[in-house]
C-alpha atoms as a PDB file:
ATOM      1  CA  MET A   1     230.887  93.660 -42.370  1.00  0.00           C
ATOM      2  CA  GLU A   2     234.387  92.879 -41.168  1.00  0.00           C
ATOM      3  CA  GLU A   3     235.663  90.575 -43.908  1.00  0.00           C
ATOM      4  CA  VAL A   4     234.690  88.707 -47.070  1.00  0.00           C
ATOM      5  CA  SER A   5     237.498  86.309 -48.022  1.00  0.00           C
ATOM      6  CA  LEU A   6     237.055  84.102 -51.080  1.00  0.00           C
ATOM      7  CA  HIS A   7     240.466  82.520 -50.580  1.00  0.00           C
ATOM      8  CA  ASP A   8     239.711  81.457 -46.989  1.00  0.00           C
ATOM      9  CA  SER A   9     236.052  80.560 -47.737  1.00  0.00           C
ATOM     10  CA  GLN A  10     234.724  82.682 -44.898  1.00  0.00           C
ATOM     11  CA  TRP A  11     233.076  85.983 -44.086  1.00  0.00           C
ATOM     12  CA  LYS A  12     232.669  87.906 -40.833  1.00  0.00           C
ATOM     13  CA  CYS A  13     230.077  90.410 -39.712  1.00  0.00           C
ATOM     14  CA  VAL A  14     228.440  92.082 -36.745  1.00  0.00           C
ATOM     15  CA  ILE A  15     224.658  91.714 -36.599  1.00  0.00           C
ATOM     16  CA  ASP A  16     221.984  92.916 -34.175  1.00  0.00           C
ATOM     17  CA  VAL A  17     219.424  90.223 -33.367  1.00  0.00           C
ATOM     18  CA  TRP A  18     216.308  90.740 -31.286  1.00  0.00           C
ATOM     19  CA  CYS A  19     213.540  88.507 -29.982  1.00  0.00           C
ATOM     20  CA  ARG A  20     210.073  89.395 -28.687  1.00  0.00           C
ATOM     21  CA  TRP A  21     207.889  86.796 -26.995  1.00  0.00           C
ATOM     22  CA  GLN A  22     205.159  86.278 -24.440  1.00  0.00           C
ATOM     23  CA  ASP A  23     205.100  83.963 -21.446  1.00  0.00           C
ATOM     24  CA  ASP A  24     203.557  80.573 -22.060  1.00  0.00           C
ATOM     25  CA  PRO A  25     203.512  78.291 -18.978  1.00  0.00           C
ATOM     26  CA  ALA A  26     202.926  75.270 -21.219  1.00  0.00           C
ATOM     27  CA  ALA A  27     206.039  75.979 -23.309  1.00  0.00           C
ATOM     28  CA  PRO A  28     209.387  74.270 -22.587  1.00  0.00           C
ATOM     29  CA  GLY A  29     211.203  76.304 -19.949  1.00  0.00           C
ATOM     30  CA  GLY A  30     208.036  78.002 -18.762  1.00  0.00           C
ATOM     31  CA  ASP A  31     208.461  81.524 -17.460  1.00  0.00           C
ATOM     32  CA  ASP A  32     212.266  81.190 -17.569  1.00  0.00           C
ATOM     33  CA  PHE A  33     212.319  80.661 -21.340  1.00  0.00           C
ATOM     34  CA  ASP A  34     214.912  82.689 -23.270  1.00  0.00           C
ATOM     35  CA  PRO A  35     215.294  82.125 -27.058  1.00  0.00           C
ATOM     36  CA  PHE A  36     218.937  83.257 -26.873  1.00  0.00           C
ATOM     37  CA  ASP A  37     219.783  80.323 -24.617  1.00  0.00           C
ATOM     38  CA  HIS A  38     221.413  77.610 -26.779  1.00  0.00           C
ATOM     39  CA  LEU A  39     221.292  79.919 -29.840  1.00  0.00           C
ATOM     40  CA  ILE A  40     223.968  78.826 -32.321  1.00  0.00           C
ATOM     41  CA  ALA A  41     225.147  80.032 -35.721  1.00  0.00           C
ATOM     42  CA  VAL A  42     224.668  77.680 -38.664  1.00  0.00           C
ATOM     43  CA  ASN A  43     227.795  77.124 -40.802  1.00  0.00           C
ATOM     44  CA  GLY A  44     229.807  79.282 -38.453  1.00  0.00           C
ATOM     45  CA  MET A  45     230.214  80.409 -34.891  1.00  0.00           C
ATOM     46  CA  ILE A  46     229.276  83.306 -32.649  1.00  0.00           C
ATOM     47  CA  THR A  47     232.628  84.721 -31.593  1.00  0.00           C
ATOM     48  CA  ASP A  48     231.229  87.425 -29.315  1.00  0.00           C
ATOM     49  CA  ARG A  49     227.872  88.605 -27.993  1.00  0.00           C
ATOM     50  CA  LYS A  50     226.665  91.610 -26.047  1.00  0.00           C
ATOM     51  CA  VAL A  51     223.203  92.416 -24.666  1.00  0.00           C
ATOM     52  CA  LEU A  52     222.265  95.898 -25.888  1.00  0.00           C
ATOM     53  CA  ARG A  53     218.781  96.115 -24.410  1.00  0.00           C
ATOM     54  CA  GLU A  54     216.477  93.971 -22.293  1.00  0.00           C
ATOM     55  CA  ILE A  55     212.836  94.706 -21.460  1.00  0.00           C
ATOM     56  CA  HIS A  56     210.532  92.580 -19.306  1.00  0.00           C
ATOM     57  CA  ASP A  57     207.046  93.972 -18.826  1.00  0.00           C
ATOM     58  CA  GLY A  58     204.781  91.439 -17.151  1.00  0.00           C
ATOM     59  CA  GLY A  59     204.403  88.606 -19.629  1.00  0.00           C
ATOM     60  CA  GLU A  60     205.992  90.571 -22.500  1.00  0.00           C
ATOM     61  CA  HIS A  61     209.718  90.186 -23.123  1.00  0.00           C
ATOM     62  CA  PHE A  62     212.255  91.790 -25.473  1.00  0.00           C
ATOM     63  CA  ILE A  63     216.003  91.159 -25.759  1.00  0.00           C
ATOM     64  CA  LEU A  64     218.388  92.788 -28.236  1.00  0.00           C
ATOM     65  CA  GLN A  65     221.864  91.300 -28.664  1.00  0.00           C
ATOM     66  CA  ARG A  66     224.812  92.261 -30.849  1.00  0.00           C
ATOM     67  CA  LEU A  67     226.491  89.162 -32.265  1.00  0.00           C
ATOM     68  CA  SER A  68     229.865  88.847 -33.958  1.00  0.00           C
ATOM     69  CA  LEU A  69     229.737  86.048 -36.532  1.00  0.00           C
ATOM     70  CA  SER A  70     232.434  84.126 -38.357  1.00  0.00           C
ATOM     71  CA  SER A  71     230.790  82.055 -41.102  1.00  0.00           C
ATOM     72  CA  THR A  72     232.113  79.477 -43.532  1.00  0.00           C
ATOM     73  CA  LYS A  73     230.905  79.606 -47.128  1.00  0.00           C
ATOM     74  CA  ILE A  74     231.935  77.817 -50.309  1.00  0.00           C
ATOM     75  CA  PHE A  75     232.008  80.767 -52.704  1.00  0.00           C
ATOM     76  CA  GLN A  76     231.139  80.207 -56.355  1.00  0.00           C
ATOM     77  CA  ILE A  77     234.098  81.627 -58.294  1.00  0.00           C
ATOM     78  CA  VAL A  78     233.051  80.779 -61.849  1.00  0.00           C
ATOM     79  CA  ASN A  79     232.595  84.476 -62.691  1.00  0.00           C
ATOM     80  CA  PHE A  80     235.458  85.825 -60.564  1.00  0.00           C
ATOM     81  CA  PRO A  81     236.379  88.728 -60.679  1.00  0.00           C
ATOM     82  CA  LEU A  82     232.885  89.690 -61.896  1.00  0.00           C
ATOM     83  CA  ASP A  83     231.312  87.591 -59.150  1.00  0.00           C
ATOM     84  CA  SER A  84     228.226  87.959 -56.966  1.00  0.00           C
ATOM     85  CA  HIS A  85     227.422  86.040 -53.780  1.00  0.00           C
ATOM     86  CA  LEU A  86     224.671  85.282 -51.292  1.00  0.00           C
ATOM     87  CA  LEU A  87     225.785  85.725 -47.678  1.00  0.00           C
ATOM     88  CA  LEU A  88     223.536  83.954 -45.194  1.00  0.00           C
ATOM     89  CA  ALA A  89     223.506  84.608 -41.440  1.00  0.00           C
ATOM     90  CA  ALA A  90     221.458  81.700 -40.071  1.00  0.00           C
ATOM     91  CA  PHE A  91     220.715  80.622 -36.491  1.00  0.00           C
ATOM     92  CA  GLU A  92     219.144  77.742 -34.576  1.00  0.00           C
ATOM     93  CA  ASN A  93     218.141  77.101 -31.013  1.00  0.00           C
ATOM     94  CA  SER A  94     219.734  73.719 -30.429  1.00  0.00           C
ATOM     95  CA  ALA A  95     217.557  72.949 -27.375  1.00  0.00           C
ATOM     96  CA  HIS A  96     214.131  73.309 -28.990  1.00  0.00           C
ATOM     97  CA  PRO A  97     212.949  71.733 -32.283  1.00  0.00           C
ATOM     98  CA  ARG A  98     210.544  73.584 -34.557  1.00  0.00           C
ATOM     99  CA  GLU A  99     207.397  72.171 -32.971  1.00  0.00           C
ATOM    100  CA  GLU A 100     208.473  73.784 -29.690  1.00  0.00           C
ATOM    101  CA  LEU A 101     210.047  77.015 -30.933  1.00  0.00           C
ATOM    102  CA  LEU A 102     209.194  78.856 -34.167  1.00  0.00           C
ATOM    103  CA  PHE A 103     211.065  82.020 -35.095  1.00  0.00           C
ATOM    104  CA  VAL A 104     209.035  84.629 -37.004  1.00  0.00           C
ATOM    105  CA  PRO A 105     211.173  87.151 -38.961  1.00  0.00           C
ATOM    106  CA  ASP A 106     210.594  90.838 -38.279  1.00  0.00           C
ATOM    107  CA  GLU A 107     210.499  91.788 -41.958  1.00  0.00           C
ATOM    108  CA  ALA A 108     209.389  95.371 -41.330  1.00  0.00           C
ATOM    109  CA  ALA A 109     212.376  96.224 -39.115  1.00  0.00           C
ATOM    110  CA  SER A 110     215.122  94.025 -40.602  1.00  0.00           C
ATOM    111  CA  ALA A 111     217.582  95.944 -42.759  1.00  0.00           C
ATOM    112  CA  VAL A 112     221.245  96.661 -43.490  1.00  0.00           C
ATOM    113  CA  SER A 113     222.727  99.869 -42.136  1.00  0.00           C
ATOM    114  CA  ALA A 114     223.630 102.498 -44.733  1.00  0.00           C
ATOM    115  CA  ARG A 115     227.089 102.652 -43.142  1.00  0.00           C
ATOM    116  CA  VAL A 116     227.856  98.996 -43.919  1.00  0.00           C
ATOM    117  CA  ALA A 117     230.600  98.686 -46.535  1.00  0.00           C
ATOM    118  CA  MET A 118     233.084  96.072 -47.696  1.00  0.00           C
ATOM    119  CA  THR A 119     236.167  96.295 -49.867  1.00  0.00           C
ATOM    120  CA  GLY A 120     235.441  95.521 -53.506  1.00  0.00           C
ATOM    121  CA  TYR A 121     231.757  94.696 -53.089  1.00  0.00           C
ATOM    122  CA  ARG A 122     228.436  96.479 -52.890  1.00  0.00           C
ATOM    123  CA  ILE A 123     225.203  95.322 -51.266  1.00  0.00           C
ATOM    124  CA  LEU A 124     222.375  94.760 -53.742  1.00  0.00           C
ATOM    125  CA  ARG A 125     219.554  93.629 -51.440  1.00  0.00           C
ATOM    126  CA  SER A 126     218.760  91.854 -48.186  1.00  0.00           C
ATOM    127  CA  HIS A 127     215.881  89.847 -46.775  1.00  0.00           C
ATOM    128  CA  ALA A 128     214.900  88.141 -43.513  1.00  0.00           C
ATOM    129  CA  VAL A 129     213.190  84.727 -43.702  1.00  0.00           C
ATOM    130  CA  GLU A 130     212.506  81.631 -41.594  1.00  0.00           C
ATOM    131  CA  MET A 131     213.165  78.150 -42.949  1.00  0.00           C
ATOM    132  CA  PRO A 132     212.604  74.697 -41.452  1.00  0.00           C
ATOM    133  CA  HIS A 133     215.765  72.605 -41.399  1.00  0.00           C
ATOM    134  CA  SER A 134     215.875  68.840 -40.906  1.00  0.00           C
ATOM    135  CA  TYR A 135     218.966  66.790 -40.079  1.00  0.00           C
ATOM    136  CA  GLN A 136     219.383  63.441 -41.802  1.00  0.00           C
ATOM    137  CA  THR A 137     220.009  61.654 -38.523  1.00  0.00           C
ATOM    138  CA  SER A 138     218.485  61.265 -35.065  1.00  0.00           C
ATOM    139  CA  ARG A 139     221.954  62.164 -33.701  1.00  0.00           C
ATOM    140  CA  GLY A 140     221.638  59.329 -31.197  1.00  0.00           C
ATOM    141  CA  ILE A 141     219.234  61.167 -28.864  1.00  0.00           C
ATOM    142  CA  PRO A 142     217.874  58.727 -26.231  1.00  0.00           C
ATOM    143  CA  GLY A 143     214.262  57.753 -26.835  1.00  0.00           C
ATOM    144  CA  VAL A 144     214.358  58.840 -30.496  1.00  0.00           C
ATOM    145  CA  ALA A 145     214.122  56.289 -33.306  1.00  0.00           C
ATOM    146  CA  PRO A 146     217.258  56.104 -35.494  1.00  0.00           C
ATOM    147  CA  ASP A 147     215.245  56.971 -38.620  1.00  0.00           C
ATOM    148  CA  GLU A 148     213.449  59.934 -37.056  1.00  0.00           C
ATOM    149  CA  ARG A 149     214.358  63.302 -38.534  1.00  0.00           C
ATOM    150  CA  GLY A 150     214.202  66.295 -36.204  1.00  0.00           C
ATOM    151  CA  THR A 151     213.330  69.693 -37.671  1.00  0.00           C
ATOM    152  CA  TRP A 152     214.534  73.031 -36.320  1.00  0.00           C
ATOM    153  CA  SER A 153     213.431  76.580 -37.034  1.00  0.00           C
ATOM    154  CA  GLN A 154     216.132  78.647 -38.721  1.00  0.00           C
ATOM    155  CA  PRO A 155     215.875  82.451 -38.854  1.00  0.00           C
ATOM    156  CA  ARG A 156     218.014  83.608 -41.764  1.00  0.00           C
ATOM    157  CA  PHE A 157     219.190  87.020 -42.883  1.00  0.00           C
ATOM    158  CA  ALA A 158     220.339  86.976 -46.506  1.00  0.00           C
ATOM    159  CA  ILE A 159     222.540  89.610 -48.160  1.00  0.00           C
ATOM    160  CA  VAL A 160     223.291  89.631 -51.896  1.00  0.00           C
ATOM    161  CA  ILE A 161     226.571  91.299 -52.883  1.00  0.00           C
ATOM    162  CA  ASP A 162     228.425  91.799 -56.150  1.00  0.00           C
ATOM    163  CA  ARG A 163     231.565  93.453 -57.471  1.00  0.00           C
ATOM    164  CA  GLN A 164     231.460  97.221 -57.795  1.00  0.00           C
ATOM    165  CA  GLY A 165     232.746  98.142 -61.245  1.00  0.00           C
ATOM    166  CA  TRP A 166     235.564  96.644 -63.296  1.00  0.00           C
ATOM    167  CA  GLY A 167     238.459  98.064 -61.268  1.00  0.00           C
ATOM    168  CA  LEU A 168     239.707  94.721 -59.950  1.00  0.00           C
ATOM    169  CA  MET A 169     239.466  93.205 -63.431  1.00  0.00           C
ATOM    170  CA  MET A 170     241.673  95.913 -64.909  1.00  0.00           C
ATOM    171  CA  LYS A 171     244.240  95.707 -62.095  1.00  0.00           C
ATOM    172  CA  MET A 172     244.468  91.922 -62.328  1.00  0.00           C
ATOM    173  CA  PHE A 173     244.927  91.679 -66.101  1.00  0.00           C
ATOM    174  CA  GLN A 174     246.710  94.848 -67.174  1.00  0.00           C
ATOM    175  CA  ALA A 175     250.048  92.999 -67.091  1.00  0.00           C
ATOM    176  CA  LEU A 176     248.606  90.096 -69.084  1.00  0.00           C
ATOM    177  CA  LEU A 177     247.157  92.376 -71.771  1.00  0.00           C
ATOM    178  CA  ILE A 178     250.472  94.204 -72.114  1.00  0.00           C
ATOM    179  CA  SER A 179     252.298  90.860 -72.371  1.00  0.00           C
ATOM    180  CA  VAL A 180     250.045  89.764 -75.225  1.00  0.00           C
ATOM    181  CA  ALA A 181     250.541  93.113 -76.997  1.00  0.00           C
ATOM    182  CA  VAL A 182     254.323  92.871 -76.634  1.00  0.00           C
ATOM    183  CA  ALA A 183     254.343  89.309 -77.979  1.00  0.00           C
ATOM    184  CA  LEU A 184     252.319  90.348 -81.044  1.00  0.00           C
ATOM    185  CA  LEU A 185     254.765  93.176 -81.804  1.00  0.00           C
ATOM    186  CA  ALA A 186     257.226  90.470 -82.853  1.00  0.00           C
ATOM    187  CA  CYS A 187     255.265  90.188 -86.114  1.00  0.00           C
ATOM    188  CA  PHE A 188     256.817  93.510 -87.179  1.00  0.00           C
ATOM    189  CA  ILE A 189     260.408  92.331 -86.616  1.00  0.00           C
ATOM    190  CA  LYS A 190     262.388  90.627 -89.351  1.00  0.00           C
ATOM    191  CA  PRO A 191     262.349  86.838 -88.732  1.00  0.00           C
ATOM    192  CA  THR A 192     266.133  86.552 -89.022  1.00  0.00           C
ATOM    193  CA  HIS A 193     266.536  88.903 -86.045  1.00  0.00           C
ATOM    194  CA  VAL A 194     266.059  85.932 -83.780  1.00  0.00           C
ATOM    195  CA  ASP A 195     266.853  87.515 -80.404  1.00  0.00           C
ATOM    196  CA  PRO A 196     264.214  90.287 -80.439  1.00  0.00           C
ATOM    197  CA  ARG A 197     261.764  88.269 -82.515  1.00  0.00           C
ATOM    198  CA  PHE A 198     261.581  85.400 -80.035  1.00  0.00           C
ATOM    199  CA  GLY A 199     262.684  87.328 -76.959  1.00  0.00           C
ATOM    200  CA  LEU A 200     259.494  89.412 -76.927  1.00  0.00           C
ATOM    201  CA  GLY A 201     257.312  86.301 -76.907  1.00  0.00           C
ATOM    202  CA  VAL A 202     259.346  84.473 -74.272  1.00  0.00           C
ATOM    203  CA  GLY A 203     259.332  87.527 -72.007  1.00  0.00           C
ATOM    204  CA  GLY A 204     255.590  87.924 -72.442  1.00  0.00           C
ATOM    205  CA  LEU A 205     255.110  84.227 -71.676  1.00  0.00           C
ATOM    206  CA  PHE A 206     256.956  84.509 -68.356  1.00  0.00           C
ATOM    207  CA  ALA A 207     254.942  87.612 -67.446  1.00  0.00           C
ATOM    208  CA  SER A 208     251.636  85.890 -68.232  1.00  0.00           C
ATOM    209  CA  VAL A 209     252.550  82.840 -66.121  1.00  0.00           C
ATOM    210  CA  ALA A 210     253.488  85.118 -63.208  1.00  0.00           C
ATOM    211  CA  ASN A 211     250.139  86.874 -63.574  1.00  0.00           C
ATOM    212  CA  SER A 212     248.404  83.504 -63.424  1.00  0.00           C
ATOM    213  CA  TYR A 213     250.082  82.702 -60.096  1.00  0.00           C
ATOM    214  CA  LEU A 214     249.085  86.125 -58.746  1.00  0.00           C
ATOM    215  CA  VAL A 215     245.430  85.643 -59.667  1.00  0.00           C
ATOM    216  CA  GLY A 216     245.483  82.252 -57.956  1.00  0.00           C
ATOM    217  CA  THR A 217     246.093  83.929 -54.597  1.00  0.00           C
ATOM    218  CA  TYR A 218     242.648  85.536 -54.705  1.00  0.00           C
ATOM    219  CA  VAL A 219     240.588  82.344 -54.945  1.00  0.00           C
ATOM    220  CA  PRO A 220     240.450  79.124 -52.887  1.00  0.00           C
ATOM    221  CA  GLU A 221     242.305  76.033 -54.022  1.00  0.00           C
ATOM    222  CA  GLY A 222     240.050  73.676 -55.920  1.00  0.00           C
ATOM    223  CA  SER A 223     239.156  72.207 -59.280  1.00  0.00           C
ATOM    224  CA  GLU A 224     236.640  74.904 -60.211  1.00  0.00           C
ATOM    225  CA  PHE A 225     237.652  76.937 -63.276  1.00  0.00           C
ATOM    226  CA  SER A 226     236.993  80.674 -62.978  1.00  0.00           C
ATOM    227  CA  LEU A 227     236.683  83.513 -65.479  1.00  0.00           C
ATOM    228  CA  ALA A 228     240.102  84.715 -64.310  1.00  0.00           C
ATOM    229  CA  ASP A 229     241.623  81.309 -65.104  1.00  0.00           C
ATOM    230  CA  ALA A 230     240.035  81.357 -68.570  1.00  0.00           C
ATOM    231  CA  ILE A 231     241.463  84.814 -69.336  1.00  0.00           C
ATOM    232  CA  ASN A 232     244.928  83.787 -68.145  1.00  0.00           C
ATOM    233  CA  LEU A 233     244.798  80.629 -70.264  1.00  0.00           C
ATOM    234  CA  LEU A 234     243.654  82.677 -73.248  1.00  0.00           C
ATOM    235  CA  GLY A 235     246.585  85.059 -72.824  1.00  0.00           C
ATOM    236  CA  ILE A 236     249.158  82.283 -72.418  1.00  0.00           C
ATOM    237  CA  GLY A 237     247.741  80.437 -75.439  1.00  0.00           C
ATOM    238  CA  THR A 238     247.861  83.591 -77.562  1.00  0.00           C
ATOM    239  CA  ILE A 239     251.533  84.178 -76.715  1.00  0.00           C
ATOM    240  CA  LEU A 240     252.319  80.547 -77.511  1.00  0.00           C
ATOM    241  CA  VAL A 241     250.595  80.950 -80.896  1.00  0.00           C
ATOM    242  CA  SER A 242     252.679  84.070 -81.572  1.00  0.00           C
ATOM    243  CA  LEU A 243     255.882  82.129 -80.887  1.00  0.00           C
ATOM    244  CA  THR A 244     254.717  79.371 -83.214  1.00  0.00           C
ATOM    245  CA  GLN A 245     253.972  81.990 -85.870  1.00  0.00           C
ATOM    246  CA  SER A 246     257.487  83.399 -85.551  1.00  0.00           C
ATOM    247  CA  THR A 247     258.952  79.923 -86.020  1.00  0.00           C
ATOM    248  CA  ILE A 248     256.908  79.350 -89.185  1.00  0.00           C
ATOM    249  CA  SER A 249     257.795  82.793 -90.524  1.00  0.00           C
ATOM    250  CA  LEU A 250     261.497  82.129 -89.975  1.00  0.00           C
ATOM    251  CA  TRP A 251     261.168  78.788 -91.816  1.00  0.00           C
ATOM    252  CA  ILE A 252     259.477  80.485 -94.768  1.00  0.00           C
ATOM    253  CA  TYR A 253     262.148  83.191 -94.874  1.00  0.00           C
ATOM    254  CA  GLU A 254     265.242  80.989 -94.577  1.00  0.00           C
ATOM    255  CA  THR A 255     264.280  77.522 -95.785  1.00  0.00           C
ATOM    256  CA  LEU A 256     261.938  78.521 -98.622  1.00  0.00           C
ATOM    257  CA  GLY A 257     263.841  81.735 -99.291  1.00  0.00           C
ATOM    258  CA  ASN A 258     260.598  83.670 -99.785  1.00  0.00           C
ATOM    259  CA  GLU A 259     260.973  86.991 -97.956  1.00  0.00           C
ATOM    260  CA  ARG A 260     257.801  88.468 -99.481  1.00  0.00           C
ATOM    261  CA  LEU A 261     255.640  85.557 -98.327  1.00  0.00           C
ATOM    262  CA  SER A 262     257.164  85.741 -94.863  1.00  0.00           C
ATOM    263  CA  ARG A 263     256.315  89.440 -94.513  1.00  0.00           C
ATOM    264  CA  ARG A 264     252.790  88.868 -95.765  1.00  0.00           C
ATOM    265  CA  PHE A 265     252.356  85.955 -93.356  1.00  0.00           C
ATOM    266  CA  ASP A 266     253.457  88.222 -90.486  1.00  0.00           C
ATOM    267  CA  ARG A 267     250.926  90.929 -91.316  1.00  0.00           C
ATOM    268  CA  VAL A 268     248.021  88.528 -91.746  1.00  0.00           C
ATOM    269  CA  SER A 269     248.970  86.637 -88.580  1.00  0.00           C
ATOM    270  CA  PHE A 270     249.118  89.820 -86.495  1.00  0.00           C
ATOM    271  CA  TRP A 271     245.587  90.925 -87.342  1.00  0.00           C
ATOM    272  CA  THR A 272     244.186  87.383 -87.200  1.00  0.00           C
ATOM    273  CA  ILE A 273     245.680  86.567 -83.786  1.00  0.00           C
ATOM    274  CA  LEU A 274     244.664  89.970 -82.396  1.00  0.00           C
ATOM    275  CA  ALA A 275     241.085  89.598 -83.656  1.00  0.00           C
ATOM    276  CA  VAL A 276     240.720  86.073 -82.277  1.00  0.00           C
ATOM    277  CA  PHE A 277     242.147  87.117 -78.895  1.00  0.00           C
ATOM    278  CA  LEU A 278     239.859  90.130 -78.553  1.00  0.00           C
ATOM    279  CA  GLY A 279     236.841  88.157 -79.762  1.00  0.00           C
ATOM    280  CA  ALA A 280     237.467  85.319 -77.305  1.00  0.00           C
ATOM    281  CA  LEU A 281     238.035  87.821 -74.486  1.00  0.00           C
ATOM    282  CA  ALA A 282     234.778  89.628 -75.293  1.00  0.00           C
ATOM    283  CA  PHE A 283     232.933  86.289 -75.403  1.00  0.00           C
ATOM    284  CA  CYS A 284     234.213  85.308 -71.932  1.00  0.00           C
ATOM    285  CA  LEU A 285     233.303  88.678 -70.425  1.00  0.00           C
ATOM    286  CA  ALA A 286     229.848  88.696 -72.025  1.00  0.00           C
ATOM    287  CA  GLY A 287     229.150  85.232 -70.641  1.00  0.00           C
ATOM    288  CA  ALA A 288     230.172  86.286 -67.129  1.00  0.00           C
ATOM    289  CA  VAL A 289     228.153  89.525 -67.235  1.00  0.00           C
ATOM    290  CA  GLY A 290     225.106  87.623 -68.487  1.00  0.00           C
ATOM    291  CA  GLN A 291     225.185  85.299 -65.457  1.00  0.00           C
ATOM    292  CA  THR A 292     225.526  87.984 -62.768  1.00  0.00           C
END
């Protein structure tokens, strides 16, 4: 597994593919038939191929090839960075529709090597299947009716991966959590000390916005809202609420002249804002974990 890139919507791997077949004079191509001829990758491309072994014993044939694949995939990022994905290496023989060529998966021998690893993810399971695939067009083939739908046999090897632990989550949001904590510390500063009282919140706000831009570099551009976006928005909103609280506390202290009420409002606000932030954060994480 060479690469899994959510931002670029692609993944790359090296896969060994083998075919066993018997001669059938009535089949297209006759004795010269080779299933690797015109073999293409679905939703990607074969960037390199190498024949590892080839056996021809009378009418029995076996070919093993090592293929380098570069595949395009629209990753679901709703639960990022607690995400899981299905990676699908799928092939077709473009020269022969399914009624001429049917791939049968070798389920007993298909597996993922124990040495396969990828940064940030672990492999949960894998499975080899065959699926019929029909195109919604005749593709202008001479002699074929425009409304005729050709069907091809697709051998597919599926790999399910997910994030290993919460390490990425902690690295991505440690700055945000500290920013929220620093902003809430303003509740313990006298409202008339305007510079530190509001400076903590403003500084935390800038840090949280910078963290939001950093998280955006991990995921592809699009309208989909991820768990990471929700946590960033929660942090920014909490800091904004803390600044609003400081403004109200200053108004109570100076305009109403009630220092005691201002101090009490600060204490109650600190615990209320902290509880709501932690509760909302726990709710978001529980929802993401429940969907993985």
